[in-house]
Amino acid sequence: MVREFKLPDVGEGVAEGEIVSWLVEAGDPVEEDQPVAEVETDKAVVDVPSPVNGTVAELRAEEGEVVPVGDVIIVFTVEGEEQQQKSDTESEDSDPTDSAETDTDTSSRVFAAPSARRLARELGVDISAVDGSGPGGRISGSDVRAHAEGSDPEPANNTAEPSEATDVEPVTEDVSDTTTPRSVPSSSADREQTLAAPATRKLAKEHEIDINTVPTDEEHDGQPFVTPEQVRSFAETQQAAQQADARAMQTAGPSEREERIPYRGIRRTIGKQMERSKYTAPHVTHHDEVDVTELVETRSDLKQVAEEQGVSLTYMPFVMKAVVAGLKEFPYLNSSLDETSDEIILKNYYNIGVGVATDAGLMVPVVDDVDRKGLLQIASEMNERVLKARERSITREEMQGGTFTITNFGAVGGEYATPIINYPETAILGLGEIKEKPRVVDGEVVPRKVMTLSLSIDHRVIDGAIAGQFANTVKRYLNNPSLLLLE
């Protein structure tokens, strides 16, 4: 039995997916639930499992192709169900005429790559009329082009007119006759002597073709013999090849200076989310600095302890705890605005998202219930999800449910920025690089470790004064990390 498998909805409301890679190929045996493809939606990359035990009969989409949910992407052959399928077909279709048509369709099933089918549609070619040159008659793009150009092998023309045959004469290759050398396609002949009628040789010269390069299957007196039709056909082939080369050169020129990357998948989702946030929430950004000299020392002291427990301790868990302390004091920064009901939703839980730069773009893994966890547990969970995000193995659930987001652009050396709110949240905190700067302590200028903060807020929900007070709370905790022990 042939079982067609359609691209399922691999996420909530996903309309399409990109075939990132096939994990099987035609002829491979598969087991139920075995991953057969990696598909990227606008949320993440997910594995698509086989629904049956069987054999892969055909892949209906190419890697990189975006396929709507519900389209057939792969065909399986399942043993032991053929009789059942036949019975079903007979019961559904009792009209003898229709049954005959169905049988005919099955027997004349067209096996072709998706690219070949697409090319056939573009060229207006009936793909069922194309002879496939691949294994099992599989049709390739070159087969479609050959059919469209009418270059399928035709019966040889053995009807050379006697009058021409009697006028033939041997022609020894004379390069000087070819005033304009022509490129010789791979299919051209390369003979030293060719028989042809004078009119044929004249025709070859008119087309600036070396008659010794014209392919022929005909012979006269044991020597290769070229007809006018073969000269014309060869001239047309050369002209088409030159035009194709010209188009290729035109296409190749700009590509050396530019590259076009499809705007889709996670990259497009990020863009749409940013656009929606930027043009929905009126952003205001509060900038500040905080002396984190003691935090640097505390983290240095605890780093060794954390490593002994197999945890890499960065500054982020400290900042997350400080942020939660601030959110408890100023709950409007831990909220969202329900525009349909005109309600501000205050969240009494603290799920903190952390912006992570990945090869696919910015992703935001979320650590749940930060207020209920210690530094090392936060660090462990955050490190695990950040790694999964960078490896593209993170699940959608691990990036959902955030109530506030922190982004660390200081990791690449920046100090200030204007972070875009992770909509529908109402605030986001950006961290700058920790730098040594001069500060006045007890009347003396001394070097101190200073971190910069950039807090963007949705001004519909949060006033600037509240943003400043929240920042002051975060600063107080980061300036005096011992306070975090109380959280």
Protein backbone atom coordinates (compact mmCIF):
# COMPACT_ATOMS: atom_id res chain seq x y z
CA MET A 1 0.00 0.00 0.00
CA VAL A 2 1.16 3.49 -0.78
CA ARG A 3 0.65 5.84 2.15
CA GLU A 4 0.93 9.57 1.54
CA PHE A 5 2.00 11.59 4.57
CA LYS A 6 1.01 15.23 4.86
CA LEU A 7 2.94 17.86 6.78
CA PRO A 8 1.20 17.98 10.16
CA ASP A 9 0.62 21.04 12.29
CA VAL A 10 3.82 20.74 14.32
CA GLY A 11 2.98 23.75 16.46
CA GLU A 12 0.08 25.83 17.62
CA GLY A 13 -1.48 27.43 14.59
CA VAL A 14 1.52 26.85 12.34
CA ALA A 15 0.51 27.32 8.70
CA GLU A 16 3.67 26.17 6.96
CA GLY A 17 7.09 24.74 7.59
CA GLU A 18 10.47 24.66 5.90
CA ILE A 19 12.05 21.29 5.21
CA VAL A 20 15.42 21.86 6.86
CA SER A 21 16.74 18.40 6.10
CA TRP A 22 15.56 14.95 5.19
CA LEU A 23 16.74 12.21 7.52
CA VAL A 24 15.79 9.46 5.06
CA GLU A 25 15.83 8.97 1.33
CA ALA A 26 13.86 6.91 -1.16
CA GLY A 27 14.26 3.21 -0.53
CA ASP A 28 15.06 3.52 3.18
CA PRO A 29 13.08 1.33 5.57
CA VAL A 30 11.46 3.28 8.41
CA GLU A 31 9.75 2.45 11.65
CA GLU A 32 6.80 4.18 13.21
CA ASP A 33 7.83 7.31 15.15
CA GLN A 34 11.27 7.32 13.52
CA PRO A 35 12.20 10.93 12.63
CA VAL A 36 12.20 11.32 8.85
CA ALA A 37 12.65 15.08 8.51
CA GLU A 38 13.60 18.22 10.36
CA VAL A 39 11.07 20.98 9.81
CA GLU A 40 11.52 24.59 10.84
CA THR A 41 8.38 26.48 11.70
CA ASP A 42 8.09 30.05 12.84
CA LYS A 43 8.74 28.76 16.35
CA ALA A 44 11.50 26.19 16.27
CA VAL A 45 13.03 23.24 14.45
CA VAL A 46 11.17 20.01 15.15
CA ASP A 47 11.48 16.40 14.07
CA VAL A 48 8.68 14.93 11.99
CA PRO A 49 8.20 11.22 12.78
CA SER A 50 7.05 8.49 10.44
CA PRO A 51 3.43 7.45 11.09
CA VAL A 52 3.99 3.87 9.86
CA ASN A 53 6.39 0.99 9.49
CA GLY A 54 7.35 0.77 5.85
CA THR A 55 9.68 1.99 3.16
CA VAL A 56 10.21 5.49 1.84
CA ALA A 57 8.84 5.52 -1.71
CA GLU A 58 9.18 9.19 -2.57
CA LEU A 59 10.14 12.54 -1.08
CA ARG A 60 7.71 15.19 -2.32
CA ALA A 61 9.61 18.27 -1.13
CA GLU A 62 13.17 19.47 -1.30
CA GLU A 63 15.36 20.64 1.54
CA GLY A 64 14.84 24.37 1.93
CA GLU A 65 11.34 24.24 0.48
CA VAL A 66 8.51 25.85 2.46
CA VAL A 67 5.52 23.53 2.54
CA PRO A 68 1.99 24.43 3.70
CA VAL A 69 0.57 22.29 6.50
CA GLY A 70 -1.56 19.58 4.88
CA ASP A 71 0.57 19.14 1.76
CA VAL A 72 2.01 15.69 1.09
CA ILE A 73 5.73 15.71 1.82
CA ILE A 74 6.61 12.02 1.75
CA VAL A 75 5.16 8.78 0.44
CA PHE A 76 5.61 5.44 2.18
CA THR A 77 5.11 1.91 0.97
CA VAL A 78 3.47 -0.19 3.66
CA GLU A 79 3.45 -3.94 3.32
CA GLY A 80 0.41 -6.05 4.13
CA GLU A 81 -2.20 -3.41 3.49
CA GLU A 82 -2.38 -3.60 -0.29
CA GLN A 83 -5.40 -5.90 -0.32
CA GLN A 84 -7.26 -3.67 2.09
CA GLN A 85 -6.54 -0.63 -0.09
CA LYS A 86 -7.79 -2.47 -3.15
CA SER A 87 -11.00 -3.42 -1.40
CA ASP A 88 -11.52 0.13 -0.27
CA THR A 89 -11.00 1.37 -3.79
CA GLU A 90 -13.45 -1.12 -5.22
CA SER A 91 -16.11 -0.31 -2.67
CA GLU A 92 -15.75 3.40 -3.21
CA ASP A 93 -15.74 3.19 -6.95
CA SER A 94 -18.18 0.75 -8.52
CA ASP A 95 -18.18 2.36 -11.98
CA PRO A 96 -16.17 0.05 -14.26
CA THR A 97 -15.02 2.97 -16.36
CA ASP A 98 -13.79 4.93 -13.37
CA SER A 99 -12.10 1.84 -11.98
CA ALA A 100 -10.22 1.41 -15.17
CA GLU A 101 -9.09 5.00 -15.01
CA THR A 102 -7.92 4.55 -11.44
CA ASP A 103 -5.92 1.49 -12.36
CA THR A 104 -4.39 3.34 -15.22
CA ASP A 105 -3.42 6.25 -13.01
CA THR A 106 -1.76 3.93 -10.51
CA SER A 107 0.18 2.04 -13.12
CA SER A 108 1.33 5.22 -14.81
CA ARG A 109 2.31 6.92 -11.60
CA VAL A 110 4.88 9.63 -12.22
CA PHE A 111 7.97 9.60 -10.08
CA ALA A 112 9.66 12.97 -10.14
CA ALA A 113 11.56 15.25 -7.82
CA PRO A 114 9.63 18.29 -6.55
CA SER A 115 11.99 20.55 -8.46
CA ALA A 116 11.23 18.65 -11.66
CA ARG A 117 7.49 18.99 -11.07
CA ARG A 118 7.90 22.71 -10.43
CA LEU A 119 9.99 23.13 -13.55
CA ALA A 120 7.40 21.24 -15.59
CA ARG A 121 4.69 23.61 -14.36
CA GLU A 122 6.85 26.62 -15.22
CA LEU A 123 7.56 25.32 -18.71
CA GLY A 124 3.99 24.18 -19.31
CA VAL A 125 5.10 20.57 -19.72
CA ASP A 126 2.81 17.64 -18.99
CA ILE A 127 5.12 15.73 -16.70
CA SER A 128 3.34 12.46 -17.37
CA ALA A 129 4.54 12.74 -20.97
CA VAL A 130 8.20 13.03 -19.97
CA ASP A 131 10.47 10.01 -20.15
CA GLY A 132 12.48 9.70 -16.95
CA SER A 133 16.14 8.81 -17.17
CA GLY A 134 16.60 8.06 -13.47
CA PRO A 135 16.28 4.80 -11.56
CA GLY A 136 12.84 3.31 -12.05
CA GLY A 137 12.03 5.97 -14.62
CA ARG A 138 12.31 8.84 -12.12
CA ILE A 139 12.09 12.19 -13.91
CA SER A 140 14.76 14.81 -13.35
CA GLY A 141 14.87 18.48 -14.24
CA SER A 142 17.07 17.75 -17.23
CA ASP A 143 14.48 15.30 -18.50
CA VAL A 144 11.84 18.03 -18.31
CA ARG A 145 14.06 20.55 -20.09
CA ALA A 146 14.89 18.04 -22.80
CA HIS A 147 11.21 17.37 -23.32
CA ALA A 148 10.39 21.08 -23.39
CA GLU A 149 13.12 21.76 -25.91
CA GLY A 150 11.96 18.85 -28.04
CA SER A 151 15.38 17.25 -27.87
CA ASP A 152 14.09 13.80 -27.05
CA PRO A 153 15.83 11.33 -29.29
CA GLU A 154 14.13 11.17 -32.66
CA PRO A 155 14.40 8.56 -35.33
CA ALA A 156 17.49 9.12 -37.38
CA ASN A 157 16.92 10.71 -40.72
CA ASN A 158 18.07 8.15 -43.20
CA THR A 159 16.47 9.82 -46.18
CA ALA A 160 19.40 11.61 -47.64
CA GLU A 161 18.57 12.58 -51.14
CA PRO A 162 20.47 10.69 -53.82
CA SER A 163 21.40 13.90 -55.53
CA GLU A 164 23.23 15.12 -52.42
CA ALA A 165 24.79 11.75 -51.79
CA THR A 166 26.25 11.68 -55.23
CA ASP A 167 27.75 15.13 -54.73
CA VAL A 168 29.39 14.40 -51.42
CA GLU A 169 33.06 14.93 -51.07
CA PRO A 170 35.49 14.42 -48.23
CA VAL A 171 36.21 17.47 -46.15
CA THR A 172 39.46 17.62 -44.25
CA GLU A 173 39.40 19.82 -41.20
CA ASP A 174 40.44 23.29 -42.24
CA VAL A 175 40.57 25.63 -39.30
CA SER A 176 41.23 28.57 -41.57
CA ASP A 177 37.72 28.17 -43.01
CA THR A 178 36.26 28.94 -39.63
CA THR A 179 36.86 32.64 -39.37
CA THR A 180 35.09 32.82 -36.02
CA PRO A 181 35.92 29.90 -33.79
CA ARG A 182 32.86 28.52 -32.04
CA SER A 183 32.75 26.84 -28.65
CA VAL A 184 32.26 23.14 -29.05
CA PRO A 185 29.68 21.59 -26.74
CA SER A 186 30.48 18.37 -25.02
CA SER A 187 28.12 16.53 -27.34
CA SER A 188 29.83 17.76 -30.49
CA ALA A 189 31.80 15.44 -32.71
CA ASP A 190 35.53 15.67 -33.29
CA ARG A 191 36.37 14.13 -36.59
CA GLU A 192 39.19 14.71 -39.02
CA GLN A 193 37.15 13.97 -42.12
CA THR A 194 33.44 14.32 -42.89
CA LEU A 195 31.40 13.65 -45.98
CA ALA A 196 28.74 16.20 -46.95
CA ALA A 197 27.10 17.71 -49.96
CA PRO A 198 28.46 21.09 -51.10
CA ALA A 199 25.15 22.69 -50.11
CA THR A 200 25.51 21.23 -46.62
CA ARG A 201 29.03 22.53 -46.24
CA LYS A 202 27.87 25.93 -47.45
CA LEU A 203 25.10 25.86 -44.86
CA ALA A 204 27.62 24.99 -42.14
CA LYS A 205 29.79 27.96 -43.13
CA GLU A 206 26.77 30.25 -43.06
CA HIS A 207 26.22 29.19 -39.45
CA GLU A 208 29.96 29.45 -38.76
CA ILE A 209 30.11 25.79 -37.80
CA ASP A 210 33.00 23.41 -38.35
CA ILE A 211 31.27 20.57 -40.12
CA ASN A 212 33.62 18.07 -38.48
CA THR A 213 31.99 18.89 -35.15
CA VAL A 214 28.43 18.17 -36.28
CA PRO A 215 27.21 14.90 -34.69
CA THR A 216 25.89 12.27 -37.10
CA ASP A 217 25.01 8.60 -37.11
CA GLU A 218 24.95 8.36 -40.86
CA GLU A 219 27.67 7.07 -43.11
CA HIS A 220 28.39 7.10 -46.80
CA ASP A 221 30.95 4.71 -48.20
CA GLY A 222 32.08 4.00 -44.65
CA GLN A 223 32.71 7.66 -43.83
CA PRO A 224 30.69 9.95 -41.51
CA PHE A 225 28.01 11.77 -43.50
CA VAL A 226 26.28 15.00 -42.36
CA THR A 227 22.91 16.20 -43.63
CA PRO A 228 21.56 19.79 -43.74
CA GLU A 229 19.02 18.92 -41.02
CA GLN A 230 21.82 17.86 -38.70
CA VAL A 231 23.68 21.10 -39.36
CA ARG A 232 20.59 23.19 -38.57
CA SER A 233 19.86 21.18 -35.42
CA PHE A 234 23.45 21.48 -34.25
CA ALA A 235 23.40 25.23 -34.93
CA GLU A 236 20.24 25.63 -32.87
CA THR A 237 21.74 23.60 -30.03
CA GLN A 238 24.86 25.73 -29.99
CA GLN A 239 22.82 28.92 -30.06
CA ALA A 240 20.72 27.72 -27.12
CA ALA A 241 23.86 26.77 -25.19
CA GLN A 242 25.40 30.20 -25.80
CA GLN A 243 22.23 31.92 -24.66
CA ALA A 244 22.17 29.77 -21.51
CA ASP A 245 25.80 30.67 -20.83
CA ALA A 246 24.98 34.35 -21.27
CA ARG A 247 22.09 34.10 -18.82
CA ALA A 248 24.30 32.24 -16.37
CA MET A 249 26.94 34.95 -16.63
CA GLN A 250 24.33 37.63 -16.01
CA THR A 251 23.05 35.72 -13.00
CA ALA A 252 26.50 34.95 -11.64
CA GLY A 253 27.72 38.53 -11.85
CA PRO A 254 25.62 40.15 -9.11
CA SER A 255 25.78 37.06 -6.91
CA GLU A 256 29.48 37.64 -6.40
CA ARG A 257 28.62 40.98 -4.80
CA GLU A 258 25.30 40.12 -3.19
CA GLU A 259 23.64 37.15 -1.59
CA ARG A 260 19.92 36.66 -1.07
CA ILE A 261 18.85 34.81 2.07
CA PRO A 262 15.22 33.66 2.34
CA TYR A 263 13.41 35.72 4.96
CA ARG A 264 11.40 33.04 6.69
CA GLY A 265 11.25 30.65 9.60
CA ILE A 266 12.55 31.88 12.93
CA ARG A 267 14.21 34.95 11.35
CA ARG A 268 10.86 36.14 9.96
CA THR A 269 9.10 35.39 13.23
CA ILE A 270 11.64 37.49 15.11
CA GLY A 271 11.16 40.32 12.64
CA LYS A 272 7.38 40.26 12.87
CA GLN A 273 7.49 40.12 16.64
CA MET A 274 9.89 43.07 16.75
CA GLU A 275 7.75 45.05 14.31
CA ARG A 276 4.58 44.35 16.26
CA SER A 277 6.21 45.32 19.54
CA LYS A 278 7.86 48.46 18.19
CA TYR A 279 4.70 49.78 16.50
CA THR A 280 2.28 48.68 19.23
CA ALA A 281 3.96 49.57 22.48
CA PRO A 282 5.28 53.13 22.80
CA HIS A 283 8.83 52.46 23.96
CA VAL A 284 10.69 54.61 26.42
CA THR A 285 14.20 53.61 27.47
CA HIS A 286 15.74 54.49 30.83
CA HIS A 287 19.55 54.36 30.96
CA ASP A 288 21.59 54.03 34.13
CA GLU A 289 24.87 52.81 35.64
CA VAL A 290 25.53 50.67 38.67
CA ASP A 291 28.73 50.03 40.61
CA VAL A 292 29.07 46.23 40.65
CA THR A 293 32.52 45.99 42.19
CA GLU A 294 31.25 43.89 45.10
CA LEU A 295 29.19 41.75 42.75
CA VAL A 296 32.30 40.99 40.71
CA GLU A 297 34.11 39.92 43.89
CA THR A 298 31.15 37.83 45.10
CA ARG A 299 30.77 36.06 41.81
CA SER A 300 34.53 35.38 41.75
CA ASP A 301 34.31 33.83 45.22
CA LEU A 302 31.32 31.65 44.32
CA LYS A 303 32.52 30.65 40.86
CA GLN A 304 34.84 27.95 42.20
CA VAL A 305 32.12 26.54 44.44
CA ALA A 306 29.73 26.44 41.50
CA GLU A 307 32.25 24.70 39.29
CA GLU A 308 32.74 22.01 41.92
CA GLN A 309 29.03 21.31 41.53
CA GLY A 310 29.30 21.30 37.75
CA VAL A 311 27.67 24.69 37.25
CA SER A 312 29.06 27.62 35.30
CA LEU A 313 28.14 30.75 37.27
CA THR A 314 27.84 33.94 35.26
CA TYR A 315 26.48 37.33 36.34
CA MET A 316 23.07 36.62 34.81
CA PRO A 317 21.61 34.62 37.77
CA PHE A 318 22.50 37.54 40.10
CA VAL A 319 20.79 39.98 37.76
CA MET A 320 17.74 37.72 37.50
CA LYS A 321 17.38 37.65 41.27
CA ALA A 322 17.83 41.42 41.47
CA VAL A 323 15.22 41.92 38.74
CA VAL A 324 12.72 39.71 40.56
CA ALA A 325 13.25 41.80 43.69
CA GLY A 326 12.46 44.88 41.64
CA LEU A 327 9.41 43.26 40.02
CA LYS A 328 7.98 42.44 43.42
CA GLU A 329 8.21 46.11 44.36
CA PHE A 330 6.92 47.38 41.01
CA PRO A 331 4.52 44.74 39.67
CA TYR A 332 3.49 46.75 36.59
CA LEU A 333 6.83 45.83 35.05
CA ASN A 334 5.80 42.18 35.42
CA SER A 335 2.59 42.54 33.45
CA SER A 336 0.98 42.47 30.02
CA LEU A 337 -1.74 44.60 28.46
CA ASP A 338 -4.83 42.77 27.20
CA GLU A 339 -5.91 45.12 24.42
CA THR A 340 -9.11 43.22 23.69
CA SER A 341 -10.49 43.63 27.20
CA ASP A 342 -8.59 46.81 28.11
CA GLU A 343 -7.08 45.17 31.13
CA ILE A 344 -3.57 45.19 32.58
CA ILE A 345 -2.67 41.67 33.69
CA LEU A 346 -0.30 41.69 36.68
CA LYS A 347 1.66 38.44 36.95
CA ASN A 348 2.20 37.03 40.41
CA TYR A 349 4.83 34.64 39.11
CA TYR A 350 8.29 35.44 37.81
CA ASN A 351 9.33 33.63 34.65
CA ILE A 352 12.41 35.39 33.34
CA GLY A 353 13.43 35.15 29.70
CA VAL A 354 17.05 35.54 28.63
CA GLY A 355 17.86 36.78 25.14
CA VAL A 356 20.29 34.46 23.35
CA ALA A 357 21.99 35.10 20.04
CA THR A 358 21.89 31.98 17.87
CA ASP A 359 22.73 31.23 14.29
CA ALA A 360 19.00 31.44 13.53
CA GLY A 361 18.58 34.78 15.30
CA LEU A 362 17.55 35.99 18.73
CA MET A 363 15.80 33.37 20.88
CA VAL A 364 14.48 33.78 24.40
CA PRO A 365 14.58 30.68 26.62
CA VAL A 366 12.62 31.12 29.83
CA VAL A 367 13.50 30.08 33.39
CA ASP A 368 10.29 29.59 35.37
CA ASP A 369 9.67 30.65 38.96
CA VAL A 370 13.00 32.39 39.48
CA ASP A 371 11.76 33.72 42.84
CA ARG A 372 11.60 30.16 44.19
CA LYS A 373 15.09 29.05 43.16
CA GLY A 374 18.63 29.56 44.35
CA LEU A 375 21.46 31.02 42.29
CA LEU A 376 22.97 27.68 41.30
CA GLN A 377 19.65 26.17 40.27
CA ILE A 378 18.87 29.25 38.19
CA ALA A 379 22.34 29.11 36.64
CA SER A 380 21.99 25.40 35.85
CA GLU A 381 18.57 25.72 34.22
CA MET A 382 19.54 28.86 32.33
CA ASN A 383 22.76 27.31 31.01
CA GLU A 384 20.91 24.21 29.87
CA ARG A 385 18.25 26.17 27.97
CA VAL A 386 20.72 28.61 26.47
CA LEU A 387 22.73 25.66 25.15
CA LYS A 388 19.61 24.04 23.75
CA ALA A 389 18.64 27.29 22.06
CA ARG A 390 22.04 27.56 20.38
CA GLU A 391 21.85 23.92 19.32
CA ARG A 392 18.29 24.47 18.04
CA SER A 393 16.99 21.65 20.23
CA ILE A 394 14.96 23.82 22.58
CA THR A 395 11.21 23.20 22.68
CA ARG A 396 8.51 25.79 22.20
CA GLU A 397 7.35 25.28 25.77
CA GLU A 398 10.82 26.24 27.03
CA MET A 399 10.49 29.61 25.32
CA GLN A 400 6.95 30.39 26.42
CA GLY A 401 5.36 31.89 29.49
CA GLY A 402 7.92 34.60 30.17
CA THR A 403 6.86 37.63 32.19
CA PHE A 404 10.02 39.76 31.87
CA THR A 405 13.07 39.57 29.63
CA ILE A 406 16.76 40.35 30.13
CA THR A 407 19.13 40.77 27.20
CA ASN A 408 22.88 40.95 27.61
CA PHE A 409 24.27 42.94 24.69
CA GLY A 410 27.31 43.71 26.85
CA ALA A 411 28.54 40.23 26.00
CA VAL A 412 29.63 41.62 22.63
CA GLY A 413 31.09 44.80 24.10
CA GLY A 414 28.24 47.33 24.06
CA GLU A 415 27.25 49.66 26.89
CA TYR A 416 23.85 51.16 26.00
CA ALA A 417 21.07 50.18 23.62
CA THR A 418 17.31 50.48 23.16
CA PRO A 419 15.98 46.95 23.72
CA ILE A 420 12.71 46.07 21.99
CA ILE A 421 10.14 44.76 24.46
CA ASN A 422 9.35 41.06 24.13
CA TYR A 423 5.67 41.68 23.36
CA PRO A 424 3.21 41.34 25.12
CA GLU A 425 5.46 41.87 28.12
CA THR A 426 5.71 45.48 29.22
CA ALA A 427 9.42 45.88 30.00
CA ILE A 428 12.85 44.55 29.12
CA LEU A 429 16.25 45.13 30.71
CA GLY A 430 19.44 45.35 28.67
CA LEU A 431 22.82 44.77 30.30
CA GLY A 432 25.96 46.53 29.11
CA GLU A 433 29.53 45.41 29.44
CA ILE A 434 31.13 45.64 32.88
CA LYS A 435 33.99 48.10 32.60
CA GLU A 436 36.44 49.64 35.01
CA LYS A 437 35.60 53.34 35.40
CA PRO A 438 36.64 56.10 37.83
CA ARG A 439 34.26 56.71 40.72
CA VAL A 440 34.40 58.92 43.81
CA VAL A 441 34.49 56.81 47.02
CA ASP A 442 35.00 58.53 50.39
CA GLY A 443 36.18 61.65 48.65
CA GLU A 444 38.73 59.88 46.47
CA VAL A 445 38.62 58.93 42.81
CA VAL A 446 39.14 55.19 42.55
CA PRO A 447 38.66 52.60 39.81
CA ARG A 448 35.39 50.66 40.14
CA LYS A 449 33.60 47.98 38.14
CA VAL A 450 30.60 49.58 36.45
CA MET A 451 27.72 47.95 34.57
CA THR A 452 25.31 49.92 32.38
CA LEU A 453 21.57 49.30 32.30
CA SER A 454 19.04 50.03 29.53
CA LEU A 455 15.44 49.54 30.62
CA SER A 456 12.73 49.82 27.92
CA ILE A 457 9.12 50.10 29.05
CA ASP A 458 5.69 50.14 27.45
CA HIS A 459 4.68 53.70 28.22
CA ARG A 460 0.99 52.79 27.99
CA VAL A 461 1.37 50.80 31.18
CA ILE A 462 4.46 52.10 32.95
CA ASP A 463 5.42 55.69 33.70
CA GLY A 464 8.98 56.90 33.49
CA ALA A 465 9.14 57.52 37.24
CA ILE A 466 8.20 53.89 37.96
CA ALA A 467 10.85 52.74 35.51
CA GLY A 468 13.45 54.83 37.33
CA GLN A 469 12.40 53.50 40.73
CA PHE A 470 12.54 49.92 39.45
CA ALA A 471 16.04 50.54 38.09
CA ASN A 472 17.09 51.95 41.47
CA THR A 473 15.93 48.78 43.20
CA VAL A 474 17.83 46.57 40.75
CA LYS A 475 20.89 48.75 41.23
CA ARG A 476 20.65 48.48 44.99
CA TYR A 477 20.72 44.69 44.83
CA LEU A 478 23.52 44.55 42.29
CA ASN A 479 25.53 47.14 44.23
CA ASN A 480 25.13 45.12 47.41
CA PRO A 481 24.81 41.45 46.38
CA SER A 482 24.48 40.31 50.00
CA LEU A 483 20.89 41.57 49.80
CA LEU A 484 20.23 38.78 47.30
CA LEU A 485 20.57 36.32 50.16
CA LEU A 486 17.24 37.66 51.41
CA GLU A 487 15.51 36.81 48.12
